[in-house]
Each structure stands twice: as C-alpha cells, then as structure tokens.
Protein backbone atom coordinates (compact mmCIF):
# COMPACT_ATOMS: atom_id res chain seq x y z
CA UNK A 1 55.71 -29.43 -59.80
CA UNK A 2 52.87 -30.31 -57.44
CA UNK A 3 51.30 -27.22 -55.82
CA UNK A 4 51.46 -28.81 -52.36
CA UNK A 5 55.23 -29.26 -52.73
CA UNK A 6 55.55 -25.70 -53.92
CA UNK A 7 53.73 -24.50 -50.79
CA UNK A 8 55.91 -26.42 -48.34
CA UNK A 9 56.77 -24.43 -45.23
CA UNK A 10 53.94 -21.91 -45.91
CA UNK A 11 50.90 -21.29 -43.74
CA UNK A 12 47.94 -21.24 -46.10
CA UNK A 13 44.29 -22.17 -46.54
CA UNK A 14 42.53 -23.60 -49.59
CA UNK A 15 39.60 -21.30 -50.45
CA UNK A 16 38.41 -23.64 -53.24
CA UNK A 17 39.70 -26.41 -55.46
CA UNK A 18 42.61 -28.48 -54.11
CA UNK A 19 46.31 -27.97 -53.43
CA UNK A 20 47.40 -31.10 -55.34
CA UNK A 21 47.20 -29.68 -58.84
CA UNK A 22 50.30 -29.64 -61.03
CA UNK A 23 51.82 -26.30 -61.95
CA UNK A 24 54.38 -25.44 -64.61
CA UNK A 25 55.80 -22.14 -63.47
CA UNK A 26 55.41 -19.25 -61.03
CA UNK A 27 54.32 -15.81 -62.14
CA UNK A 28 53.41 -12.54 -60.39
CA UNK A 29 53.18 -10.59 -63.70
CA UNK A 30 49.82 -11.39 -65.32
CA UNK A 31 51.24 -10.62 -68.78
CA UNK A 32 53.65 -13.59 -68.49
CA UNK A 33 51.07 -16.24 -67.53
CA UNK A 34 50.95 -19.36 -69.62
CA UNK A 35 48.81 -22.46 -69.37
CA UNK A 36 49.56 -24.42 -66.18
CA UNK A 37 51.18 -21.54 -64.28
CA UNK A 38 50.37 -20.45 -60.71
CA UNK A 39 49.69 -16.78 -60.30
CA UNK A 40 50.65 -14.81 -57.14
CA UNK A 41 48.46 -11.79 -56.51
CA UNK A 42 50.87 -9.14 -55.26
CA UNK A 43 49.57 -5.82 -53.92
CA UNK A 44 51.79 -3.12 -55.39
CA UNK A 45 51.79 0.63 -54.92
CA UNK A 46 49.94 1.30 -58.16
CA UNK A 47 48.58 -2.10 -59.19
CA UNK A 48 46.83 -4.85 -57.20
CA UNK A 49 47.43 -8.31 -58.66
CA UNK A 50 43.97 -9.44 -57.41
CA UNK A 51 42.47 -7.43 -60.24
CA UNK A 52 43.98 -9.74 -62.84
CA UNK A 53 42.59 -13.05 -61.59
CA UNK A 54 39.96 -13.36 -64.30
CA UNK A 55 42.54 -12.51 -66.93
CA UNK A 56 45.09 -15.13 -65.82
CA UNK A 57 42.43 -17.82 -65.50
CA UNK A 58 41.41 -17.21 -69.09
CA UNK A 59 45.08 -17.66 -70.05
CA UNK A 60 45.01 -21.11 -68.39
CA UNK A 61 46.52 -20.53 -64.90
CA UNK A 62 46.33 -23.70 -62.76
CA UNK A 63 46.07 -21.93 -59.42
CA UNK A 64 45.88 -18.54 -57.72
CA UNK A 65 47.68 -17.51 -54.56
CA UNK A 66 46.06 -14.46 -53.03
CA UNK A 67 45.72 -12.43 -49.81
CA UNK A 68 42.01 -11.52 -50.14
CA UNK A 69 38.91 -13.70 -49.85
CA UNK A 70 38.14 -13.91 -53.55
CA UNK A 71 34.87 -15.40 -54.78
CA UNK A 72 32.83 -15.88 -57.96
CA UNK A 73 35.17 -18.14 -59.95
CA UNK A 74 34.46 -21.59 -61.31
CA UNK A 75 34.25 -24.21 -58.56
CA UNK A 76 37.20 -26.23 -59.78
CA UNK A 77 39.52 -23.23 -59.79
CA UNK A 78 42.25 -23.71 -57.12
CA UNK A 79 42.52 -20.62 -54.95
CA UNK A 80 45.04 -20.51 -52.09
CA UNK A 81 44.91 -17.78 -49.44
CA UNK A 82 48.01 -16.56 -47.60
CA UNK A 83 48.57 -13.79 -45.11
CA UNK A 84 51.39 -12.06 -47.01
CA UNK A 85 51.68 -12.51 -50.78
CA UNK A 86 55.20 -11.23 -51.04
CA UNK A 87 56.54 -13.59 -48.33
CA UNK A 88 54.61 -16.43 -49.95
CA UNK A 89 56.20 -15.59 -53.32
CA UNK A 90 59.67 -15.62 -51.76
CA UNK A 91 59.23 -18.98 -49.99
CA UNK A 92 57.58 -20.62 -52.99
CA UNK A 93 60.24 -19.26 -55.37
CA UNK A 94 62.89 -20.89 -53.19
CA UNK A 95 60.96 -24.22 -53.24
CA UNK A 96 60.45 -24.03 -56.99
CA UNK A 97 64.18 -23.65 -57.71
CA UNK A 98 65.24 -26.29 -55.16
CA UNK A 99 66.25 -23.92 -52.37
CA UNK A 100 69.52 -22.86 -54.04
CA UNK A 101 70.32 -20.25 -51.35
CA UNK A 102 70.96 -23.07 -48.94
CA UNK A 103 73.67 -24.46 -51.24
CA UNK A 104 75.89 -21.34 -51.16
CA UNK A 105 77.22 -19.00 -48.53
CA UNK A 106 75.48 -15.69 -49.04
CA UNK A 107 76.92 -12.32 -47.98
CA UNK A 108 74.60 -9.33 -47.88
CA UNK A 109 75.58 -5.66 -47.88
CA UNK A 110 73.28 -2.82 -46.96
CA UNK A 111 73.67 0.90 -46.34
CA UNK A 112 73.04 4.19 -48.23
CA UNK A 113 76.48 4.30 -49.86
CA UNK A 114 79.28 1.86 -50.49
CA UNK A 115 77.27 -1.29 -51.26
CA UNK A 116 78.54 -1.67 -54.86
CA UNK A 117 82.17 -0.98 -54.10
CA UNK A 118 82.12 -3.30 -51.09
CA UNK A 119 80.52 -6.09 -53.16
CA UNK A 120 83.26 -5.81 -55.79
CA UNK A 121 85.92 -5.79 -53.06
CA UNK A 122 84.53 -8.89 -51.36
CA UNK A 123 84.24 -10.65 -54.73
CA UNK A 124 87.85 -9.80 -55.53
CA UNK A 125 89.09 -11.09 -52.13
CA UNK A 126 87.13 -14.36 -52.31
CA UNK A 127 88.31 -15.00 -55.87
CA UNK A 128 91.91 -14.36 -54.69
CA UNK A 129 91.22 -17.05 -52.06
CA UNK A 130 90.27 -19.48 -54.86
CA UNK A 131 86.46 -19.43 -54.60
CA UNK A 132 83.98 -19.11 -57.45
CA UNK A 133 81.86 -16.09 -56.63
CA UNK A 134 78.49 -14.71 -57.79
CA UNK A 135 77.55 -11.06 -57.40
CA UNK A 136 74.10 -9.38 -57.38
CA UNK A 137 74.01 -5.61 -57.50
CA UNK A 138 73.48 -2.22 -59.06
CA UNK A 139 76.04 -2.37 -61.86
CA UNK A 140 75.35 -5.91 -63.04
CA UNK A 141 74.96 -9.48 -61.83
CA UNK A 142 77.90 -11.84 -62.18
CA UNK A 143 78.27 -15.60 -62.22
CA UNK A 144 82.04 -15.87 -61.87
CA UNK A 145 83.28 -13.75 -64.78
CA UNK A 146 80.04 -13.95 -66.73
CA UNK A 147 78.23 -10.56 -66.63
CA UNK A 148 74.45 -10.48 -66.64
CA UNK A 149 72.18 -7.44 -66.98
CA UNK A 150 70.78 -6.03 -63.68
CA UNK A 151 67.31 -4.46 -63.65
CA UNK A 152 67.50 -3.29 -60.07
CA UNK A 153 69.87 -3.45 -57.08
CA UNK A 154 68.11 -6.47 -55.58
CA UNK A 155 65.83 -8.54 -57.89
CA UNK A 156 62.28 -9.60 -56.99
CA UNK A 157 62.29 -12.90 -55.06
CA UNK A 158 61.24 -14.98 -58.07
CA UNK A 159 64.09 -13.69 -60.22
CA UNK A 160 66.43 -13.78 -57.27
CA UNK A 161 66.03 -17.51 -56.64
CA UNK A 162 66.28 -18.19 -60.35
CA UNK A 163 69.58 -16.40 -60.31
CA UNK A 164 70.68 -18.32 -57.20
CA UNK A 165 69.84 -21.56 -59.06
CA UNK A 166 72.02 -20.51 -62.06
CA UNK A 167 74.88 -19.74 -59.69
CA UNK A 168 74.64 -23.11 -57.96
CA UNK A 169 74.42 -24.91 -61.30
CA UNK A 170 77.64 -23.09 -62.33
CA UNK A 171 79.57 -24.07 -59.23
CA UNK A 172 79.36 -20.78 -57.34
CA UNK A 173 80.36 -21.19 -53.70
CA UNK A 174 79.78 -17.60 -52.47
CA UNK A 175 77.13 -15.13 -53.51
CA UNK A 176 77.83 -11.48 -52.58
CA UNK A 177 74.79 -9.25 -52.93
CA UNK A 178 73.74 -5.69 -52.40
CA UNK A 179 70.58 -5.65 -50.30
CA UNK A 180 68.58 -2.51 -50.81
CA UNK A 181 66.17 -1.06 -48.26
CA UNK A 182 63.39 -1.46 -50.80
CA UNK A 183 64.10 -5.19 -51.13
CA UNK A 184 64.06 -5.65 -47.35
CA UNK A 185 60.77 -3.70 -46.97
CA UNK A 186 59.20 -5.65 -49.84
CA UNK A 187 60.39 -9.04 -48.63
CA UNK A 188 62.41 -9.87 -51.75
CA UNK A 189 65.04 -11.63 -49.58
CA UNK A 190 62.53 -13.12 -47.12
CA UNK A 191 63.66 -16.56 -45.97
CA UNK A 192 67.26 -16.15 -47.15
CA UNK A 193 69.91 -16.66 -44.50
CA UNK A 194 73.09 -14.63 -44.81
CA UNK A 195 76.33 -15.87 -43.36
CA UNK A 196 77.52 -12.26 -43.13
CA UNK A 197 75.49 -9.05 -43.15
CA UNK A 198 77.55 -5.88 -43.67
CA UNK A 199 76.40 -2.40 -42.70
CA UNK A 200 78.17 0.52 -44.45
CA UNK A 201 76.40 3.72 -43.33
CA UNK A 202 73.01 5.45 -43.28
CA UNK A 203 72.38 8.92 -44.71
CA UNK A 204 69.43 10.57 -46.42
CA UNK A 205 67.98 8.69 -49.40
CA UNK A 206 64.75 6.95 -50.45
CA UNK A 207 62.55 8.95 -48.10
CA UNK A 208 60.05 9.12 -50.94
CA UNK A 209 59.54 5.42 -50.30
CA UNK A 210 60.20 5.00 -46.56
CA UNK A 211 58.68 8.37 -45.52
CA UNK A 212 60.69 8.61 -42.31
CA UNK A 213 64.33 8.02 -41.40
CA UNK A 214 63.24 5.62 -38.66
CA UNK A 215 61.40 3.48 -41.26
CA UNK A 216 64.55 3.58 -43.45
CA UNK A 217 66.70 2.39 -40.58
CA UNK A 218 64.29 -0.38 -39.58
CA UNK A 219 64.26 -1.65 -43.16
CA UNK A 220 68.05 -1.88 -43.14
CA UNK A 221 67.99 -3.67 -39.76
CA UNK A 222 66.02 -6.55 -41.22
CA UNK A 223 69.19 -7.82 -42.91
CA UNK A 224 70.85 -8.39 -39.57
CA UNK A 225 67.89 -10.27 -38.21
CA UNK A 226 68.59 -12.85 -40.92
CA UNK A 227 72.37 -12.88 -40.74
CA UNK A 228 74.62 -15.14 -38.66
CA UNK A 229 77.21 -12.34 -38.31
CA UNK A 230 76.91 -8.55 -38.42
CA UNK A 231 79.88 -6.62 -39.85
CA UNK A 232 79.25 -3.02 -38.82
CA UNK A 233 80.80 0.41 -39.45
CA UNK A 234 81.17 1.55 -35.82
CA UNK A 235 82.09 5.13 -36.83
CA UNK A 236 78.56 5.65 -38.22
CA UNK A 237 75.97 6.70 -35.68
CA UNK A 238 73.44 4.23 -37.10
CA UNK A 239 76.18 1.58 -37.05
CA UNK A 240 76.36 2.01 -33.31
CA UNK A 241 72.59 1.47 -33.24
CA UNK A 242 72.92 -1.72 -35.30
CA UNK A 243 75.47 -3.00 -32.75
CA UNK A 244 72.85 -2.48 -30.04
CA UNK A 245 69.87 -3.79 -31.99
CA UNK A 246 71.35 -6.83 -33.73
CA UNK A 247 71.20 -10.10 -31.75
CA UNK A 248 73.85 -12.04 -33.59
CA UNK A 249 77.63 -12.16 -33.54
CA UNK A 250 78.95 -8.62 -34.21
CA UNK A 251 82.27 -7.48 -35.64
CA UNK A 252 83.05 -3.78 -35.93
CA UNK A 253 85.22 -1.85 -38.36
CA UNK A 254 86.25 1.77 -38.49
CA UNK A 255 88.91 4.47 -38.40
CA UNK A 256 88.03 6.65 -35.40
CA UNK A 257 86.51 4.25 -32.86
CA UNK A 258 88.17 1.25 -31.22
CA UNK A 259 87.12 -1.34 -33.83
CA UNK A 260 87.84 -5.02 -34.40
CA UNK A 261 89.18 -4.21 -37.87
CA UNK A 262 90.75 -0.76 -38.02
CA UNK A 263 92.72 1.53 -40.40
CA UNK A 264 95.61 3.75 -39.45
CA UNK A 265 98.26 5.88 -41.23
CA UNK A 266 95.97 6.73 -44.14
CA UNK A 267 97.74 8.40 -47.09
CA UNK A 268 95.69 9.77 -49.99
CA UNK A 269 96.95 10.39 -53.50
CA UNK A 270 95.26 11.12 -56.87
CA UNK A 271 95.16 7.55 -58.05
CA UNK A 272 94.42 5.73 -54.79
CA UNK A 273 94.92 5.47 -51.07
CA UNK A 274 97.38 3.61 -48.80
CA UNK A 275 96.77 2.63 -45.19
CA UNK A 276 97.59 0.07 -42.52
CA UNK A 277 94.94 -2.47 -41.58
CA UNK A 278 94.96 -3.75 -38.02
CA UNK A 279 93.30 -7.05 -37.08
CA UNK A 280 93.99 -9.36 -34.15
CA UNK A 281 97.52 -8.11 -33.75
CA UNK A 282 98.29 -8.11 -37.47
CA UNK A 283 99.31 -4.86 -39.14
CA UNK A 284 99.39 -5.00 -42.97
CA UNK A 285 99.78 -2.38 -45.70
CA UNK A 286 96.93 -1.88 -48.21
CA UNK A 287 97.33 -0.01 -51.52
CA UNK A 288 93.88 0.64 -52.96
CA UNK A 289 93.68 1.68 -56.60
CA UNK A 290 90.65 3.89 -55.86
CA UNK A 291 90.99 7.05 -53.70
CA UNK A 292 88.75 8.26 -50.94
CA UNK A 293 88.41 7.99 -47.21
CA UNK A 294 85.08 6.32 -47.68
CA UNK A 295 86.78 3.63 -49.75
CA UNK A 296 89.01 2.91 -46.75
CA UNK A 297 85.73 2.13 -44.89
CA UNK A 298 84.53 -0.09 -47.75
CA UNK A 299 87.85 -1.90 -47.72
CA UNK A 300 87.75 -2.38 -43.95
CA UNK A 301 84.21 -3.81 -44.02
CA UNK A 302 85.03 -6.10 -46.93
CA UNK A 303 88.17 -7.26 -45.18
CA UNK A 304 86.22 -7.92 -41.99
CA UNK A 305 83.67 -10.01 -43.89
CA UNK A 306 86.35 -12.19 -45.53
CA UNK A 307 88.59 -12.49 -42.45
CA UNK A 308 85.48 -13.72 -40.58
CA UNK A 309 85.04 -16.30 -43.31
CA UNK A 310 88.52 -17.57 -42.60
CA UNK A 311 90.32 -15.98 -45.57
CA UNK A 312 94.07 -15.52 -44.98
CA UNK A 313 94.94 -11.84 -44.41
CA UNK A 314 97.54 -11.86 -47.22
CA UNK A 315 94.87 -12.93 -49.70
CA UNK A 316 92.59 -10.19 -48.31
CA UNK A 317 95.30 -7.63 -48.98
CA UNK A 318 95.93 -8.88 -52.57
CA UNK A 319 92.20 -8.92 -53.29
CA UNK A 320 91.81 -5.33 -52.11
CA UNK A 321 94.87 -4.03 -53.96
CA UNK A 322 93.63 -5.46 -57.27
CA UNK A 323 90.02 -4.35 -57.18
CA UNK A 324 88.53 -1.93 -59.80
CA UNK A 325 84.94 -0.72 -59.61
CA UNK A 326 83.21 0.83 -62.69
CA UNK A 327 81.86 4.33 -62.11
CA UNK A 328 83.09 4.65 -58.55
CA UNK A 329 85.68 7.48 -58.34
CA UNK A 330 86.76 6.42 -61.83
CA UNK A 331 89.34 8.73 -63.43
CA UNK A 332 88.33 8.41 -67.07
CA UNK A 333 90.99 10.78 -68.52
CA UNK A 334 93.99 8.62 -67.62
CA UNK A 335 94.47 7.67 -71.25
CA UNK A 336 94.28 11.24 -72.55
CA UNK A 337 97.14 13.71 -72.37
CA UNK A 338 95.11 16.47 -70.70
CA UNK A 339 96.20 19.06 -68.20
CA UNK A 340 93.26 18.20 -65.93
CA UNK A 341 91.48 15.06 -64.70
CA UNK A 342 87.85 14.07 -65.13
CA UNK A 343 86.29 11.73 -62.56
CA UNK A 344 83.00 9.86 -63.04
CA UNK A 345 81.19 8.80 -59.93
CA UNK A 346 77.79 7.34 -59.06
CA UNK A 347 77.26 9.75 -56.14
CA UNK A 348 73.55 10.62 -56.18
CA UNK A 349 72.88 11.29 -52.48
CA UNK A 350 73.99 14.22 -50.30
CA UNK A 351 76.49 12.05 -48.41
CA UNK A 352 77.76 10.47 -51.63
CA UNK A 353 78.29 13.85 -53.27
CA UNK A 354 80.08 15.19 -50.21
CA UNK A 355 82.34 12.14 -50.06
CA UNK A 356 83.47 12.30 -53.68
CA UNK A 357 84.00 16.08 -53.65
CA UNK A 358 85.98 16.03 -50.38
CA UNK A 359 88.04 13.19 -51.75
CA UNK A 360 88.78 15.01 -55.01
CA UNK A 361 89.60 18.19 -53.09
CA UNK A 362 92.50 16.37 -51.32
CA UNK A 363 94.37 15.90 -54.61
CA UNK A 364 93.11 18.91 -56.62
CA UNK A 365 95.99 21.31 -57.26
CA UNK A 366 93.86 24.23 -58.53
CA UNK A 367 90.11 24.35 -58.98
CA UNK A 368 87.50 21.66 -58.32
CA UNK A 369 84.67 21.75 -60.84
CA UNK A 370 81.55 19.64 -60.23
CA UNK A 371 78.82 18.61 -62.68
CA UNK A 372 75.73 17.11 -61.01
CA UNK A 373 71.91 17.09 -60.78
CA UNK A 374 69.20 15.00 -59.16
CA UNK A 375 66.95 12.25 -60.48
CA UNK A 376 63.26 12.80 -61.11
CA UNK A 377 60.43 10.91 -59.39
CA UNK A 378 62.69 10.42 -56.35
CA UNK A 379 63.26 11.95 -52.90
CA UNK A 380 62.76 15.69 -53.51
CA UNK A 381 63.97 16.68 -50.02
CA UNK A 382 67.59 15.88 -50.91
CA UNK A 383 67.71 18.23 -53.91
CA UNK A 384 68.47 21.56 -52.15
CA UNK A 385 70.84 19.70 -49.77
CA UNK A 386 72.84 18.40 -52.71
CA UNK A 387 72.78 21.85 -54.30
CA UNK A 388 74.30 23.39 -51.17
CA UNK A 389 76.92 20.61 -50.76
CA UNK A 390 77.93 20.72 -54.43
CA UNK A 391 78.28 24.50 -54.43
CA UNK A 392 80.03 24.73 -51.07
CA UNK A 393 82.65 22.08 -51.88
CA UNK A 394 83.32 23.13 -55.47
CA UNK A 395 85.03 26.18 -56.94
CA UNK A 396 82.57 25.99 -59.81
CA UNK A 397 79.34 23.89 -59.80
CA UNK A 398 77.54 23.10 -63.03
CA UNK A 399 73.93 22.12 -62.27
CA UNK A 400 72.47 19.85 -64.95
CA UNK A 401 70.02 17.07 -65.63
CA UNK A 402 70.41 13.57 -64.23
CA UNK A 403 67.62 11.00 -64.96
CA UNK A 404 64.64 13.37 -64.98
CA UNK A 405 62.18 10.55 -65.68
CA UNK A 406 58.65 11.96 -65.83
CA UNK A 407 59.56 15.33 -64.24
CA UNK A 408 60.56 18.51 -66.04
CA UNK A 409 64.37 18.79 -65.87
CA UNK A 410 64.29 22.53 -65.19
CA UNK A 411 61.91 22.07 -62.27
CA UNK A 412 64.34 19.61 -60.71
CA UNK A 413 67.19 22.07 -61.24
CA UNK A 414 65.15 24.79 -59.56
CA UNK A 415 64.83 22.53 -56.46
CA UNK A 416 68.55 21.92 -56.51
CA UNK A 417 69.59 25.57 -56.75
CA UNK A 418 67.09 26.60 -54.03
CA UNK A 419 69.66 25.27 -51.54
CA UNK A 420 72.61 27.11 -53.02
CA UNK A 421 73.98 30.17 -51.19
CA UNK A 422 77.24 30.83 -53.08
CA UNK A 423 77.33 32.54 -56.44
CA UNK A 424 79.59 29.99 -58.10
CA UNK A 425 77.19 27.89 -60.18
CA UNK A 426 76.16 27.60 -63.80
CA UNK A 427 72.89 26.01 -65.00
CA UNK A 428 73.14 23.88 -68.16
CA UNK A 429 70.14 21.60 -68.46
CA UNK A 430 71.57 19.35 -71.19
CA UNK A 431 73.94 16.95 -69.40
CA UNK A 432 76.30 16.51 -72.33
CA UNK A 433 76.60 20.24 -72.75
CA UNK A 434 77.18 20.58 -68.96
CA UNK A 435 80.11 18.12 -69.12
CA UNK A 436 81.47 19.91 -72.20
CA UNK A 437 81.27 23.31 -70.51
CA UNK A 438 83.25 21.95 -67.54
CA UNK A 439 85.96 20.63 -69.87
CA UNK A 440 86.03 23.91 -71.86
CA UNK A 441 86.76 26.01 -68.74
CA UNK A 442 89.08 23.48 -67.07
CA UNK A 443 92.74 24.52 -66.76
CA UNK A 444 95.99 22.86 -65.81
CA UNK A 445 95.72 21.27 -62.35
CA UNK A 446 91.88 21.37 -62.20
CA UNK A 447 89.76 18.34 -61.39
CA UNK A 448 86.28 17.81 -62.75
CA UNK A 449 83.85 15.51 -60.90
CA UNK A 450 80.87 14.31 -62.95
CA UNK A 451 78.54 12.89 -60.32
CA UNK A 452 75.25 11.00 -60.34
CA UNK A 453 75.39 8.33 -63.03
CA UNK A 454 78.73 6.54 -62.67
CA UNK A 455 78.44 3.11 -64.34
CA UNK A 456 75.08 3.87 -66.02
CA UNK A 457 75.13 3.95 -69.85
CA UNK A 458 71.68 5.48 -70.23
CA UNK A 459 69.59 8.50 -69.33
CA UNK A 460 65.89 8.21 -68.46
CA UNK A 461 63.79 11.00 -69.97
CA UNK A 462 60.07 11.62 -70.05
CA UNK A 463 59.76 10.22 -73.55
CA UNK A 464 61.96 7.17 -72.99
CA UNK A 465 65.47 5.96 -72.22
CA UNK A 466 68.40 7.01 -74.39
CA UNK A 467 71.95 5.74 -74.58
CA UNK A 468 74.24 7.94 -72.52
CA UNK A 469 77.62 6.57 -71.40
CA UNK A 470 79.70 9.35 -69.84
CA UNK A 471 82.96 7.65 -70.75
CA UNK A 472 81.93 7.78 -74.45
CA UNK A 473 80.64 11.35 -74.03
CA UNK A 474 83.92 12.52 -72.47
CA UNK A 475 85.91 10.74 -75.24
CA UNK A 476 83.83 12.54 -77.89
CA UNK A 477 84.31 15.94 -76.18
CA UNK A 478 88.08 15.31 -75.98
CA UNK A 479 88.13 14.86 -79.80
CA UNK A 480 86.01 18.03 -80.24
CA UNK A 481 88.06 20.25 -77.97
CA UNK A 482 91.62 19.03 -77.88
C-alpha cells in the first residue's frame, strides 16, 4: 500500500523523505518489523517506541510515524510526524484493512460489570433474529460460531481492525464488543462509530490506571460520544450522569426508575430468574437460565439494544431465554450428585463480589461459603473492601490466591483481610486447596461461590502462567472426596 493512502484522513507533516513510499504492513511492536513495514512509535507506560527507531530501520522499515521531532537518520528515511501516535495508529489501521468497521453495525458495551454477559446476550438475540454476529470480549472473540483466542478485553487498534476485516470477509453483519475503559483512554477504538453504546454500571475498579473515579467515568463516557444511540442503566447513579452528558439519542433501562425498558415481577430461583419485561406497552415473560438481579439488568440492556435495532420482541425473548455465559454465575456441580452446589463466577471487583454473593444468598438453604482473593499488580484499594464484603455476606469466607502476578500472594491476602471485621474466615493461600477445603466442609443445602476467575483456565504467578481451570479442579476434587 502507498503510505499516502495509508495516511488518508490524518493530519500529519513529513519531517524527511516523502509520503509516497510503498509499505507492506503496519507494526507498533519493533520485534515484529520486517522489510517494507511502517513503524508507529507509541509512547507506552514503560516503553517509548521512539527508542527503537534505529533498530527498526536496520530491519528494513520503509517509514516511521512518530510524535517527536526525531533527527539524525539517513536523509532518504521517511519520517512522518503526528500529534497523537495512538490515534494515528487507529486511523491508519482502519485504512490498511479497508475500513471494515464501516461495513458492519457495531455495538459497544462499557461499564465495570456486566459487559461480558451483556455481549453474549446481545449475540444470542441477534442470532435468533437471523443475523451473523461477531463478538469481541474478555472470554474470547467469535466470528459466528468460530471461537478465537482473546488477549485482552478490547484489542489494540491494529489487531482490532484486522479482526473487523476477518468478520466482514466471513459475512458478519453485527459486531458486539466489550469496550474497556483502558481501550477508550488509549484510543484503541478511536474513529469507530457505534450504532449502539450500552452503559451497564460504574463501581470501583482500575483506579491503579485511571487514578481517580472522575477519570474512570470520563473514559467510559467516550464511548457515548462515538455512538448514535446510548442505552443506559438509569438505576445506576453514573447512568443518570451519562443521560445528562451524552448528546445522542438515549434509551433507559432499569428496575426501580421509570425506564423505557423495565422489569417487573422478578422471581429468583437457584437455576435462573423469571421476570416481566415492559416496553412500549408490551409485557412479556422472560425466563433466564442464569440467576441474579444484576443479570436482569444485563438482560434489560441487551433487550433495549436489540429492540432499538428493530428486532421483534418475541425473538428478543427467545434469545435471552437460551443464553449461556461461561464463568458467569455458572453452577458447575449440576452433573454431580452432591448435597451442595458450587458456583464459579468471574466477580473480581467489590460490586461484582457483592452481586454474586447476594444472588447466591437468595437460594442458599443453609450456609453460604465463599472462596476468593484479589489479583496482583492491580488496584490495591479494592482489596480490603472485597475482604469486608466477602466476609459480611458469607457464613464462611476462604481467602486465597487469585492471579498474584509479580506480587507475593500472602501480601495480597494481608491486604484483603485488613478489611475483615468478622471472625468467620480461613486463609489458604493455594487456590486449589482453598476450593478443596470449601468442598470438604460443605454440608447438605450449602452453596459454595468460587469468585474471581470464572471462565479463565489459567493462573498468573510470579514465575509464569500455569493451567488452572476451576471446572477441572472441582471435578478432580469431587473424585477425591466423594
């Protein structure tokens, strides 16, 4: 591709060389550079791409796109200067892959909790309506039924547009994607227009990155500046703020407030939840296969998105009733003849932990036992908060390791238990042993909630990543104990 064509729509200046050179590929990782590639110098938190210019030129890079005034390179080297490297990477990635985002309808979901479940719900509804759907998110990426590995919730812009291109080439009509606050702050979705932007909620998370709650909120708000419609949880205090701050068409959903899409007559049971959905005079019964009041919110938001896309309400209901989400309030002991249930859930924030424990409490006949920890190298402020929540809402709390990463597991656990007031907790650092202990002490009518990892099939330790699938672990413990 000609560099000038790649740079279309971008405000730039040519520091040296010319912008008519031919390029083979785009790279922002210097290790991946091959002859004829263009290298984007991205300023990261730990590494500045400008430091690798000499290295990529030796590898045969055709051009450099940078933010700084760089000098001292051979006169025929093409160096392009832009104001913002990440925005430039996003726009050029779109150009390189033929602007695939413009050939699909893209739905974005943001919020602290509920993004993954909502994405699966919307995908299920749209497929019920006959569309081919792509999904980008935490658990995995999907092109129709084809499952692809996911490195992060929202890919970097280069990989994102490559994925968009694959979707378009495979006939995808709708792309449903989780849009993280990190991706919005780092301009990974810059230039992408969303037909629907959905807001779930906002509670404490990622303050290690955003520093303040106001910054966290402003990052989330960026999605709605680039969405034709805003689908907003009006029961959430920050949802009310989105309604005020967003300048597009707004549709509200909720349970308590007077919302455009509302739920009434909610009935919870161990294997799901039933409720009535109200929309424009229609009143229909929904029978979700996953329990939890928060999943009623996810269902309402997902329904609102699809109804606003013109999907028939009966297809919306069928799509919701049939949805299953890995690692989200997943009862993994259904196939075993045990006297108690074990639930695996991804809850790794204070609000998420509170939601799953309050949900489990509603159908727990005897004791509620929780197994949880906190991840290392992440927001430390939430650790004592989660310790207090887990202890207060459980009869017995087993504090264990999550993904400690580079931190010492016991130091993380100390932070967690610093918030605990009740004397109802046990510390077992090894996560497998923590789960086993919970199953050893469980009696008839008890419910065990193993929170924090959900769909993940690995554990990140200081010395590397190991395979750790809690479904497999629980199956092994069942064989050992029963």
